[in-house]
Amino acid sequence: MPNVTLFILQDKMPSEETLTTLTQECTALCTDLLGAALDKVHIIYVAVRHGRGHPVFAEIKFRLEVFRTASVMEKFMEEIGDSIKRNTDLSARIRCFGYPTENIHARN
């Protein structure tokens, strides 16, 4: 963990090259800023039909850790928002959800 899911308007979905760059930047933020192990980072893109709201909705789920303070998460959200805007020219609504380790049950 963390899992970063970006829901992007289907008619605004960036090219594969752009998504590759965005993936690299999101991965670096997760490993460098959030201290996540590379093999625990998942970046997912979902093309959506727009109903209402921002053209990109970013949902980040992560394991709560003492070093992932409110200020760290604020910096993470700012930087991931900047990365999304820079790579897609779209503004994102960003929501982060932290879970205590004992509440996470997972396989691979």
PDB file of N, CA and C in Angstrom:
ATOM      1  N   MET A   1       0.853  -1.162   0.000  1.00  0.00           N
ATOM      2  CA  MET A   1       0.000   0.000   0.000  1.00  0.00           C
ATOM      3  C   MET A   1       0.899   1.224   0.000  1.00  0.00           C
ATOM      4  N   PRO A   2       0.735   2.230  -0.717  1.00  0.00           N
ATOM      5  CA  PRO A   2      -0.504   2.882  -1.108  1.00  0.00           C
ATOM      6  C   PRO A   2      -1.036   2.459  -2.478  1.00  0.00           C
ATOM      7  N   ASN A   3      -2.345   2.621  -2.603  1.00  0.00           N
ATOM      8  CA  ASN A   3      -3.031   2.413  -3.866  1.00  0.00           C
ATOM      9  C   ASN A   3      -3.508   3.771  -4.346  1.00  0.00           C
ATOM     10  N   VAL A   4      -3.089   4.150  -5.531  1.00  0.00           N
ATOM     11  CA  VAL A   4      -3.500   5.417  -6.125  1.00  0.00           C
ATOM     12  C   VAL A   4      -4.379   5.096  -7.319  1.00  0.00           C
ATOM     13  N   THR A   5      -5.642   5.495  -7.253  1.00  0.00           N
ATOM     14  CA  THR A   5      -6.570   5.291  -8.360  1.00  0.00           C
ATOM     15  C   THR A   5      -6.969   6.651  -8.890  1.00  0.00           C
ATOM     16  N   LEU A   6      -6.766   6.844 -10.183  1.00  0.00           N
ATOM     17  CA  LEU A   6      -7.144   8.086 -10.834  1.00  0.00           C
ATOM     18  C   LEU A   6      -8.304   7.801 -11.781  1.00  0.00           C
ATOM     19  N   PHE A   7      -9.438   8.381 -11.451  1.00  0.00           N
ATOM     20  CA  PHE A   7     -10.621   8.287 -12.298  1.00  0.00           C
ATOM     21  C   PHE A   7     -10.591   9.513 -13.214  1.00  0.00           C
ATOM     22  N   ILE A   8     -10.454   9.284 -14.518  1.00  0.00           N
ATOM     23  CA  ILE A   8     -10.281  10.369 -15.489  1.00  0.00           C
ATOM     24  C   ILE A   8     -11.384  10.267 -16.535  1.00  0.00           C
ATOM     25  N   LEU A   9     -11.937  11.427 -16.903  1.00  0.00           N
ATOM     26  CA  LEU A   9     -12.945  11.442 -17.962  1.00  0.00           C
ATOM     27  C   LEU A   9     -12.443  10.671 -19.167  1.00  0.00           C
ATOM     28  N   GLN A  10     -13.272   9.776 -19.681  1.00  0.00           N
ATOM     29  CA  GLN A  10     -12.822   8.920 -20.780  1.00  0.00           C
ATOM     30  C   GLN A  10     -12.392   9.714 -22.007  1.00  0.00           C
ATOM     31  N   ASP A  11     -13.049  10.833 -22.294  1.00  0.00           N
ATOM     32  CA  ASP A  11     -12.656  11.612 -23.470  1.00  0.00           C
ATOM     33  C   ASP A  11     -11.473  12.541 -23.207  1.00  0.00           C
ATOM     34  N   LYS A  12     -10.963  12.557 -21.974  1.00  0.00           N
ATOM     35  CA  LYS A  12      -9.790  13.359 -21.612  1.00  0.00           C
ATOM     36  C   LYS A  12      -8.610  12.486 -21.189  1.00  0.00           C
ATOM     37  N   MET A  13      -8.748  11.166 -21.347  1.00  0.00           N
ATOM     38  CA  MET A  13      -7.683  10.246 -20.938  1.00  0.00           C
ATOM     39  C   MET A  13      -6.414  10.557 -21.726  1.00  0.00           C
ATOM     40  N   PRO A  14      -5.307  10.803 -21.016  1.00  0.00           N
ATOM     41  CA  PRO A  14      -4.050  11.134 -21.695  1.00  0.00           C
ATOM     42  C   PRO A  14      -3.477   9.947 -22.465  1.00  0.00           C
ATOM     43  N   SER A  15      -2.481  10.245 -23.274  1.00  0.00           N
ATOM     44  CA  SER A  15      -1.788   9.216 -24.056  1.00  0.00           C
ATOM     45  C   SER A  15      -1.039   8.262 -23.130  1.00  0.00           C
ATOM     46  N   GLU A  16      -0.640   7.136 -23.678  1.00  0.00           N
ATOM     47  CA  GLU A  16       0.137   6.150 -22.915  1.00  0.00           C
ATOM     48  C   GLU A  16       1.452   6.757 -22.428  1.00  0.00           C
ATOM     49  N   GLU A  17       2.072   7.560 -23.274  1.00  0.00           N
ATOM     50  CA  GLU A  17       3.332   8.205 -22.907  1.00  0.00           C
ATOM     51  C   GLU A  17       3.131   9.127 -21.701  1.00  0.00           C
ATOM     52  N   THR A  18       2.069   9.897 -21.721  1.00  0.00           N
ATOM     53  CA  THR A  18       1.774  10.794 -20.603  1.00  0.00           C
ATOM     54  C   THR A  18       1.464  10.004 -19.341  1.00  0.00           C
ATOM     55  N   LEU A  19       0.700   8.921 -19.484  1.00  0.00           N
ATOM     56  CA  LEU A  19       0.375   8.086 -18.317  1.00  0.00           C
ATOM     57  C   LEU A  19       1.632   7.442 -17.734  1.00  0.00           C
ATOM     58  N   THR A  20       2.572   7.085 -18.587  1.00  0.00           N
ATOM     59  CA  THR A  20       3.834   6.521 -18.107  1.00  0.00           C
ATOM     60  C   THR A  20       4.576   7.542 -17.251  1.00  0.00           C
ATOM     61  N   THR A  21       4.637   8.776 -17.713  1.00  0.00           N
ATOM     62  CA  THR A  21       5.293   9.835 -16.940  1.00  0.00           C
ATOM     63  C   THR A  21       4.556  10.081 -15.635  1.00  0.00           C
ATOM     64  N   LEU A  22       3.233  10.162 -15.686  1.00  0.00           N
ATOM     65  CA  LEU A  22       2.436  10.372 -14.480  1.00  0.00           C
ATOM     66  C   LEU A  22       2.626   9.218 -13.501  1.00  0.00           C
ATOM     67  N   THR A  23       2.682   8.006 -14.005  1.00  0.00           N
ATOM     68  CA  THR A  23       2.919   6.833 -13.153  1.00  0.00           C
ATOM     69  C   THR A  23       4.266   6.944 -12.449  1.00  0.00           C
ATOM     70  N   GLN A  24       5.287   7.332 -13.178  1.00  0.00           N
ATOM     71  CA  GLN A  24       6.616   7.484 -12.582  1.00  0.00           C
ATOM     72  C   GLN A  24       6.608   8.548 -11.487  1.00  0.00           C
ATOM     73  N   GLU A  25       5.950   9.663 -11.740  1.00  0.00           N
ATOM     74  CA  GLU A  25       5.908  10.733 -10.751  1.00  0.00           C
ATOM     75  C   GLU A  25       5.094  10.329  -9.513  1.00  0.00           C
ATOM     76  N   CYS A  26       3.957   9.681  -9.720  1.00  0.00           N
ATOM     77  CA  CYS A  26       3.142   9.212  -8.586  1.00  0.00           C
ATOM     78  C   CYS A  26       3.895   8.162  -7.768  1.00  0.00           C
ATOM     79  N   THR A  27       4.592   7.285  -8.453  1.00  0.00           N
ATOM     80  CA  THR A  27       5.376   6.257  -7.770  1.00  0.00           C
ATOM     81  C   THR A  27       6.467   6.899  -6.916  1.00  0.00           C
ATOM     82  N   ALA A  28       7.153   7.873  -7.476  1.00  0.00           N
ATOM     83  CA  ALA A  28       8.214   8.564  -6.728  1.00  0.00           C
ATOM     84  C   ALA A  28       7.645   9.258  -5.493  1.00  0.00           C
ATOM     85  N   LEU A  29       6.486   9.879  -5.615  1.00  0.00           N
ATOM     86  CA  LEU A  29       5.859  10.515  -4.450  1.00  0.00           C
ATOM     87  C   LEU A  29       5.522   9.488  -3.376  1.00  0.00           C
ATOM     88  N   CYS A  30       5.028   8.344  -3.796  1.00  0.00           N
ATOM     89  CA  CYS A  30       4.670   7.296  -2.830  1.00  0.00           C
ATOM     90  C   CYS A  30       5.896   6.725  -2.126  1.00  0.00           C
ATOM     91  N   THR A  31       6.967   6.504  -2.878  1.00  0.00           N
ATOM     92  CA  THR A  31       8.162   5.915  -2.274  1.00  0.00           C
ATOM     93  C   THR A  31       8.985   6.944  -1.509  1.00  0.00           C
ATOM     94  N   ASP A  32       9.164   8.110  -2.098  1.00  0.00           N
ATOM     95  CA  ASP A  32      10.024   9.121  -1.473  1.00  0.00           C
ATOM     96  C   ASP A  32       9.323   9.871  -0.342  1.00  0.00           C
ATOM     97  N   LEU A  33       8.125  10.336  -0.595  1.00  0.00           N
ATOM     98  CA  LEU A  33       7.431  11.160   0.388  1.00  0.00           C
ATOM     99  C   LEU A  33       6.681  10.330   1.429  1.00  0.00           C
ATOM    100  N   LEU A  34       6.003   9.274   0.964  1.00  0.00           N
ATOM    101  CA  LEU A  34       5.235   8.445   1.904  1.00  0.00           C
ATOM    102  C   LEU A  34       6.040   7.287   2.467  1.00  0.00           C
ATOM    103  N   GLY A  35       7.233   7.049   1.931  1.00  0.00           N
ATOM    104  CA  GLY A  35       8.081   5.980   2.445  1.00  0.00           C
ATOM    105  C   GLY A  35       7.583   4.587   2.140  1.00  0.00           C
ATOM    106  N   ALA A  36       6.820   4.438   1.068  1.00  0.00           N
ATOM    107  CA  ALA A  36       6.273   3.136   0.697  1.00  0.00           C
ATOM    108  C   ALA A  36       7.314   2.291  -0.025  1.00  0.00           C
ATOM    109  N   ALA A  37       7.242   0.990   0.175  1.00  0.00           N
ATOM    110  CA  ALA A  37       8.087   0.067  -0.578  1.00  0.00           C
ATOM    111  C   ALA A  37       7.581   0.015  -2.015  1.00  0.00           C
ATOM    112  N   LEU A  38       8.491   0.027  -2.977  1.00  0.00           N
ATOM    113  CA  LEU A  38       8.128   0.064  -4.388  1.00  0.00           C
ATOM    114  C   LEU A  38       7.138  -1.040  -4.761  1.00  0.00           C
ATOM    115  N   ASP A  39       7.354  -2.244  -4.239  1.00  0.00           N
ATOM    116  CA  ASP A  39       6.476  -3.360  -4.595  1.00  0.00           C
ATOM    117  C   ASP A  39       5.091  -3.265  -3.949  1.00  0.00           C
ATOM    118  N   LYS A  40       4.858  -2.276  -3.116  1.00  0.00           N
ATOM    119  CA  LYS A  40       3.561  -2.074  -2.479  1.00  0.00           C
ATOM    120  C   LYS A  40       2.764  -0.938  -3.114  1.00  0.00           C
ATOM    121  N   VAL A  41       3.378  -0.248  -4.083  1.00  0.00           N
ATOM    122  CA  VAL A  41       2.720   0.883  -4.737  1.00  0.00           C
ATOM    123  C   VAL A  41       1.935   0.389  -5.948  1.00  0.00           C
ATOM    124  N   HIS A  42       0.671   0.789  -6.022  1.00  0.00           N
ATOM    125  CA  HIS A  42      -0.183   0.454  -7.162  1.00  0.00           C
ATOM    126  C   HIS A  42      -0.782   1.748  -7.709  1.00  0.00           C
ATOM    127  N   ILE A  43      -0.616   1.965  -9.005  1.00  0.00           N
ATOM    128  CA  ILE A  43      -1.175   3.127  -9.684  1.00  0.00           C
ATOM    129  C   ILE A  43      -2.167   2.587 -10.713  1.00  0.00           C
ATOM    130  N   ILE A  44      -3.410   3.064 -10.637  1.00  0.00           N
ATOM    131  CA  ILE A  44      -4.472   2.537 -11.496  1.00  0.00           C
ATOM    132  C   ILE A  44      -5.197   3.701 -12.160  1.00  0.00           C
ATOM    133  N   TYR A  45      -5.469   3.570 -13.453  1.00  0.00           N
ATOM    134  CA  TYR A  45      -6.229   4.572 -14.190  1.00  0.00           C
ATOM    135  C   TYR A  45      -7.556   3.968 -14.609  1.00  0.00           C
ATOM    136  N   VAL A  46      -8.626   4.711 -14.362  1.00  0.00           N
ATOM    137  CA  VAL A  46      -9.960   4.257 -14.725  1.00  0.00           C
ATOM    138  C   VAL A  46     -10.618   5.344 -15.567  1.00  0.00           C
ATOM    139  N   ALA A  47     -10.990   5.003 -16.800  1.00  0.00           N
ATOM    140  CA  ALA A  47     -11.715   5.940 -17.656  1.00  0.00           C
ATOM    141  C   ALA A  47     -13.180   5.927 -17.229  1.00  0.00           C
ATOM    142  N   VAL A  48     -13.727   7.115 -17.017  1.00  0.00           N
ATOM    143  CA  VAL A  48     -15.101   7.209 -16.519  1.00  0.00           C
ATOM    144  C   VAL A  48     -15.947   8.129 -17.390  1.00  0.00           C
ATOM    145  N   ARG A  49     -17.252   7.883 -17.329  1.00  0.00           N
ATOM    146  CA  ARG A  49     -18.217   8.810 -17.915  1.00  0.00           C
ATOM    147  C   ARG A  49     -18.514   9.846 -16.858  1.00  0.00           C
ATOM    148  N   HIS A  50     -18.502  11.079 -17.260  1.00  0.00           N
ATOM    149  CA  HIS A  50     -18.653  12.173 -16.313  1.00  0.00           C
ATOM    150  C   HIS A  50     -20.116  12.407 -15.971  1.00  0.00           C
ATOM    151  N   GLY A  51     -20.359  12.497 -14.683  1.00  0.00           N
ATOM    152  CA  GLY A  51     -21.677  12.867 -14.221  1.00  0.00           C
ATOM    153  C   GLY A  51     -21.633  14.294 -13.696  1.00  0.00           C
ATOM    154  N   ARG A  52     -20.756  14.505 -12.730  1.00  0.00           N
ATOM    155  CA  ARG A  52     -20.634  15.817 -12.106  1.00  0.00           C
ATOM    156  C   ARG A  52     -19.305  15.883 -11.356  1.00  0.00           C
ATOM    157  N   GLY A  53     -18.733  17.058 -11.251  1.00  0.00           N
ATOM    158  CA  GLY A  53     -17.515  17.235 -10.458  1.00  0.00           C
ATOM    159  C   GLY A  53     -16.289  17.470 -11.304  1.00  0.00           C
ATOM    160  N   HIS A  54     -15.140  17.304 -10.662  1.00  0.00           N
ATOM    161  CA  HIS A  54     -13.847  17.535 -11.315  1.00  0.00           C
ATOM    162  C   HIS A  54     -13.607  16.507 -12.426  1.00  0.00           C
ATOM    163  N   PRO A  55     -12.807  16.863 -13.426  1.00  0.00           N
ATOM    164  CA  PRO A  55     -12.526  15.924 -14.512  1.00  0.00           C
ATOM    165  C   PRO A  55     -11.614  14.769 -14.095  1.00  0.00           C
ATOM    166  N   VAL A  56     -10.934  14.918 -12.946  1.00  0.00           N
ATOM    167  CA  VAL A  56     -10.105  13.833 -12.398  1.00  0.00           C
ATOM    168  C   VAL A  56     -10.438  13.706 -10.915  1.00  0.00           C
ATOM    169  N   PHE A  57     -10.652  12.480 -10.480  1.00  0.00           N
ATOM    170  CA  PHE A  57     -10.840  12.199  -9.062  1.00  0.00           C
ATOM    171  C   PHE A  57      -9.735  11.238  -8.660  1.00  0.00           C
ATOM    172  N   ALA A  58      -8.899  11.673  -7.731  1.00  0.00           N
ATOM    173  CA  ALA A  58      -7.788  10.844  -7.260  1.00  0.00           C
ATOM    174  C   ALA A  58      -8.135  10.290  -5.886  1.00  0.00           C
ATOM    175  N   GLU A  59      -8.094   8.977  -5.770  1.00  0.00           N
ATOM    176  CA  GLU A  59      -8.369   8.317  -4.498  1.00  0.00           C
ATOM    177  C   GLU A  59      -7.118   7.558  -4.078  1.00  0.00           C
ATOM    178  N   ILE A  60      -6.596   7.907  -2.915  1.00  0.00           N
ATOM    179  CA  ILE A  60      -5.370   7.289  -2.426  1.00  0.00           C
ATOM    180  C   ILE A  60      -5.677   6.572  -1.123  1.00  0.00           C
ATOM    181  N   LYS A  61      -5.406   5.281  -1.091  1.00  0.00           N
ATOM    182  CA  LYS A  61      -5.575   4.483   0.122  1.00  0.00           C
ATOM    183  C   LYS A  61      -4.183   4.090   0.599  1.00  0.00           C
ATOM    184  N   PHE A  62      -3.965   4.236   1.909  1.00  0.00           N
ATOM    185  CA  PHE A  62      -2.634   3.952   2.427  1.00  0.00           C
ATOM    186  C   PHE A  62      -2.715   3.439   3.858  1.00  0.00           C
ATOM    187  N   ARG A  63      -1.654   2.780   4.249  1.00  0.00           N
ATOM    188  CA  ARG A  63      -1.526   2.283   5.622  1.00  0.00           C
ATOM    189  C   ARG A  63      -1.081   3.437   6.510  1.00  0.00           C
ATOM    190  N   LEU A  64      -1.749   3.615   7.641  1.00  0.00           N
ATOM    191  CA  LEU A  64      -1.346   4.646   8.595  1.00  0.00           C
ATOM    192  C   LEU A  64       0.008   4.288   9.193  1.00  0.00           C
ATOM    193  N   GLU A  65       0.884   5.261   9.237  1.00  0.00           N
ATOM    194  CA  GLU A  65       2.206   5.121   9.836  1.00  0.00           C
ATOM    195  C   GLU A  65       2.494   6.410  10.594  1.00  0.00           C
ATOM    196  N   VAL A  66       3.306   6.342  11.645  1.00  0.00           N
ATOM    197  CA  VAL A  66       3.593   7.534  12.445  1.00  0.00           C
ATOM    198  C   VAL A  66       4.291   8.619  11.623  1.00  0.00           C
ATOM    199  N   PHE A  67       5.045   8.224  10.610  1.00  0.00           N
ATOM    200  CA  PHE A  67       5.766   9.202   9.798  1.00  0.00           C
ATOM    201  C   PHE A  67       4.901   9.810   8.697  1.00  0.00           C
ATOM    202  N   ARG A  68       3.694   9.324   8.513  1.00  0.00           N
ATOM    203  CA  ARG A  68       2.766   9.907   7.538  1.00  0.00           C
ATOM    204  C   ARG A  68       1.845  10.888   8.273  1.00  0.00           C
ATOM    205  N   THR A  69       2.446  11.978   8.670  1.00  0.00           N
ATOM    206  CA  THR A  69       1.751  12.998   9.456  1.00  0.00           C
ATOM    207  C   THR A  69       0.827  13.825   8.560  1.00  0.00           C
ATOM    208  N   ALA A  70       0.032  14.660   9.191  1.00  0.00           N
ATOM    209  CA  ALA A  70      -0.865  15.546   8.440  1.00  0.00           C
ATOM    210  C   ALA A  70      -0.079  16.444   7.488  1.00  0.00           C
ATOM    211  N   SER A  71       1.064  16.950   7.925  1.00  0.00           N
ATOM    212  CA  SER A  71       1.859  17.819   7.053  1.00  0.00           C
ATOM    213  C   SER A  71       2.461  17.038   5.883  1.00  0.00           C
ATOM    214  N   VAL A  72       2.861  15.794   6.111  1.00  0.00           N
ATOM    215  CA  VAL A  72       3.373  14.954   5.021  1.00  0.00           C
ATOM    216  C   VAL A  72       2.261  14.694   4.010  1.00  0.00           C
ATOM    217  N   MET A  73       1.072  14.384   4.505  1.00  0.00           N
ATOM    218  CA  MET A  73      -0.045  14.099   3.605  1.00  0.00           C
ATOM    219  C   MET A  73      -0.469  15.356   2.840  1.00  0.00           C
ATOM    220  N   GLU A  74      -0.406  16.509   3.484  1.00  0.00           N
ATOM    221  CA  GLU A  74      -0.729  17.764   2.806  1.00  0.00           C
ATOM    222  C   GLU A  74       0.254  18.017   1.666  1.00  0.00           C
ATOM    223  N   LYS A  75       1.544  17.800   1.922  1.00  0.00           N
ATOM    224  CA  LYS A  75       2.569  17.960   0.872  1.00  0.00           C
ATOM    225  C   LYS A  75       2.348  16.946  -0.247  1.00  0.00           C
ATOM    226  N   PHE A  76       2.034  15.703   0.114  1.00  0.00           N
ATOM    227  CA  PHE A  76       1.762  14.659  -0.877  1.00  0.00           C
ATOM    228  C   PHE A  76       0.601  15.077  -1.774  1.00  0.00           C
ATOM    229  N   MET A  77      -0.491  15.538  -1.159  1.00  0.00           N
ATOM    230  CA  MET A  77      -1.662  15.930  -1.953  1.00  0.00           C
ATOM    231  C   MET A  77      -1.341  17.106  -2.873  1.00  0.00           C
ATOM    232  N   GLU A  78      -0.581  18.061  -2.377  1.00  0.00           N
ATOM    233  CA  GLU A  78      -0.199  19.201  -3.201  1.00  0.00           C
ATOM    234  C   GLU A  78       0.635  18.742  -4.394  1.00  0.00           C
ATOM    235  N   GLU A  79       1.618  17.889  -4.128  1.00  0.00           N
ATOM    236  CA  GLU A  79       2.519  17.455  -5.199  1.00  0.00           C
ATOM    237  C   GLU A  79       1.842  16.519  -6.191  1.00  0.00           C
ATOM    238  N   ILE A  80       0.964  15.649  -5.709  1.00  0.00           N
ATOM    239  CA  ILE A  80       0.276  14.761  -6.656  1.00  0.00           C
ATOM    240  C   ILE A  80      -0.711  15.568  -7.494  1.00  0.00           C
ATOM    241  N   GLY A  81      -1.338  16.571  -6.884  1.00  0.00           N
ATOM    242  CA  GLY A  81      -2.214  17.457  -7.643  1.00  0.00           C
ATOM    243  C   GLY A  81      -1.464  18.216  -8.718  1.00  0.00           C
ATOM    244  N   ASP A  82      -0.280  18.704  -8.370  1.00  0.00           N
ATOM    245  CA  ASP A  82       0.569  19.402  -9.349  1.00  0.00           C
ATOM    246  C   ASP A  82       0.976  18.469 -10.485  1.00  0.00           C
ATOM    247  N   SER A  83       1.309  17.231 -10.150  1.00  0.00           N
ATOM    248  CA  SER A  83       1.710  16.255 -11.163  1.00  0.00           C
ATOM    249  C   SER A  83       0.550  15.953 -12.110  1.00  0.00           C
ATOM    250  N   ILE A  84      -0.626  15.767 -11.557  1.00  0.00           N
ATOM    251  CA  ILE A  84      -1.807  15.494 -12.387  1.00  0.00           C
ATOM    252  C   ILE A  84      -2.069  16.675 -13.318  1.00  0.00           C
ATOM    253  N   LYS A  85      -2.044  17.888 -12.776  1.00  0.00           N
ATOM    254  CA  LYS A  85      -2.299  19.090 -13.583  1.00  0.00           C
ATOM    255  C   LYS A  85      -1.243  19.240 -14.680  1.00  0.00           C
ATOM    256  N   ARG A  86       0.020  19.044 -14.320  1.00  0.00           N
ATOM    257  CA  ARG A  86       1.125  19.194 -15.278  1.00  0.00           C
ATOM    258  C   ARG A  86       1.018  18.168 -16.416  1.00  0.00           C
ATOM    259  N   ASN A  87       0.633  16.959 -16.091  1.00  0.00           N
ATOM    260  CA  ASN A  87       0.616  15.887 -17.088  1.00  0.00           C
ATOM    261  C   ASN A  87      -0.684  15.766 -17.870  1.00  0.00           C
ATOM    262  N   THR A  88      -1.794  16.221 -17.299  1.00  0.00           N
ATOM    263  CA  THR A  88      -3.086  16.053 -17.974  1.00  0.00           C
ATOM    264  C   THR A  88      -3.750  17.373 -18.332  1.00  0.00           C
ATOM    265  N   ASP A  89      -3.263  18.462 -17.740  1.00  0.00           N
ATOM    266  CA  ASP A  89      -3.883  19.782 -17.866  1.00  0.00           C
ATOM    267  C   ASP A  89      -5.314  19.778 -17.307  1.00  0.00           C
ATOM    268  N   LEU A  90      -5.560  18.882 -16.360  1.00  0.00           N
ATOM    269  CA  LEU A  90      -6.865  18.782 -15.702  1.00  0.00           C
ATOM    270  C   LEU A  90      -6.685  18.959 -14.199  1.00  0.00           C
ATOM    271  N   SER A  91      -7.673  19.568 -13.571  1.00  0.00           N
ATOM    272  CA  SER A  91      -7.615  19.698 -12.110  1.00  0.00           C
ATOM    273  C   SER A  91      -8.243  18.463 -11.469  1.00  0.00           C
ATOM    274  N   ALA A  92      -7.710  18.081 -10.336  1.00  0.00           N
ATOM    275  CA  ALA A  92      -8.151  16.861  -9.668  1.00  0.00           C
ATOM    276  C   ALA A  92      -8.728  17.149  -8.295  1.00  0.00           C
ATOM    277  N   ARG A  93      -9.736  16.410  -7.947  1.00  0.00           N
ATOM    278  CA  ARG A  93     -10.218  16.346  -6.574  1.00  0.00           C
ATOM    279  C   ARG A  93      -9.456  15.182  -5.960  1.00  0.00           C
ATOM    280  N   ILE A  94      -8.831  15.403  -4.822  1.00  0.00           N
ATOM    281  CA  ILE A  94      -7.959  14.396  -4.219  1.00  0.00           C
ATOM    282  C   ILE A  94      -8.501  14.020  -2.854  1.00  0.00           C
ATOM    283  N   ARG A  95      -8.619  12.721  -2.619  1.00  0.00           N
ATOM    284  CA  ARG A  95      -9.058  12.213  -1.326  1.00  0.00           C
ATOM    285  C   ARG A  95      -8.108  11.105  -0.897  1.00  0.00           C
ATOM    286  N   CYS A  96      -7.598  11.225   0.330  1.00  0.00           N
ATOM    287  CA  CYS A  96      -6.692  10.222   0.896  1.00  0.00           C
ATOM    288  C   CYS A  96      -7.381   9.530   2.065  1.00  0.00           C
ATOM    289  N   PHE A  97      -7.249   8.214   2.106  1.00  0.00           N
ATOM    290  CA  PHE A  97      -7.861   7.410   3.153  1.00  0.00           C
ATOM    291  C   PHE A  97      -6.796   6.536   3.804  1.00  0.00           C
ATOM    292  N   GLY A  98      -6.508   6.792   5.085  1.00  0.00           N
ATOM    293  CA  GLY A  98      -5.524   6.014   5.820  1.00  0.00           C
ATOM    294  C   GLY A  98      -6.197   4.942   6.656  1.00  0.00           C
ATOM    295  N   TYR A  99      -5.588   3.760   6.684  1.00  0.00           N
ATOM    296  CA  TYR A  99      -6.141   2.620   7.415  1.00  0.00           C
ATOM    297  C   TYR A  99      -5.114   2.071   8.396  1.00  0.00           C
ATOM    298  N   PRO A 100      -5.542   1.775   9.623  1.00  0.00           N
ATOM    299  CA  PRO A 100      -4.624   1.135  10.562  1.00  0.00           C
ATOM    300  C   PRO A 100      -4.255  -0.268  10.071  1.00  0.00           C
ATOM    301  N   THR A 101      -3.042  -0.670  10.335  1.00  0.00           N
ATOM    302  CA  THR A 101      -2.562  -1.975   9.873  1.00  0.00           C
ATOM    303  C   THR A 101      -3.485  -3.117  10.275  1.00  0.00           C
ATOM    304  N   GLU A 102      -3.993  -3.081  11.497  1.00  0.00           N
ATOM    305  CA  GLU A 102      -4.840  -4.189  11.948  1.00  0.00           C
ATOM    306  C   GLU A 102      -6.175  -4.259  11.235  1.00  0.00           C
ATOM    307  N   ASN A 103      -6.529  -3.236  10.469  1.00  0.00           N
ATOM    308  CA  ASN A 103      -7.780  -3.254   9.726  1.00  0.00           C
ATOM    309  C   ASN A 103      -7.587  -3.588   8.248  1.00  0.00           C
ATOM    310  N   ILE A 104      -6.366  -3.924   7.867  1.00  0.00           N
ATOM    311  CA  ILE A 104      -6.092  -4.276   6.479  1.00  0.00           C
ATOM    312  C   ILE A 104      -5.858  -5.780   6.395  1.00  0.00           C
ATOM    313  N   HIS A 105      -6.642  -6.406   5.553  1.00  0.00           N
ATOM    314  CA  HIS A 105      -6.506  -7.838   5.300  1.00  0.00           C
ATOM    315  C   HIS A 105      -6.253  -7.985   3.798  1.00  0.00           C
ATOM    316  N   ALA A 106      -5.152  -8.595   3.435  1.00  0.00           N
ATOM    317  CA  ALA A 106      -4.765  -8.609   2.025  1.00  0.00           C
ATOM    318  C   ALA A 106      -4.043  -9.886   1.646  1.00  0.00           C
ATOM    319  N   ARG A 107      -4.056 -10.171   0.366  1.00  0.00           N
ATOM    320  CA  ARG A 107      -3.256 -11.242  -0.222  1.00  0.00           C
ATOM    321  C   ARG A 107      -2.497 -10.634  -1.381  1.00  0.00           C
ATOM    322  N   ASN A 108      -1.228 -10.906  -1.437  1.00  0.00           N
ATOM    323  CA  ASN A 108      -0.342 -10.393  -2.494  1.00  0.00           C
ATOM    324  C   ASN A 108      -0.695  -8.972  -2.781  1.00  0.00           C
TER     325      ASN A 108
END
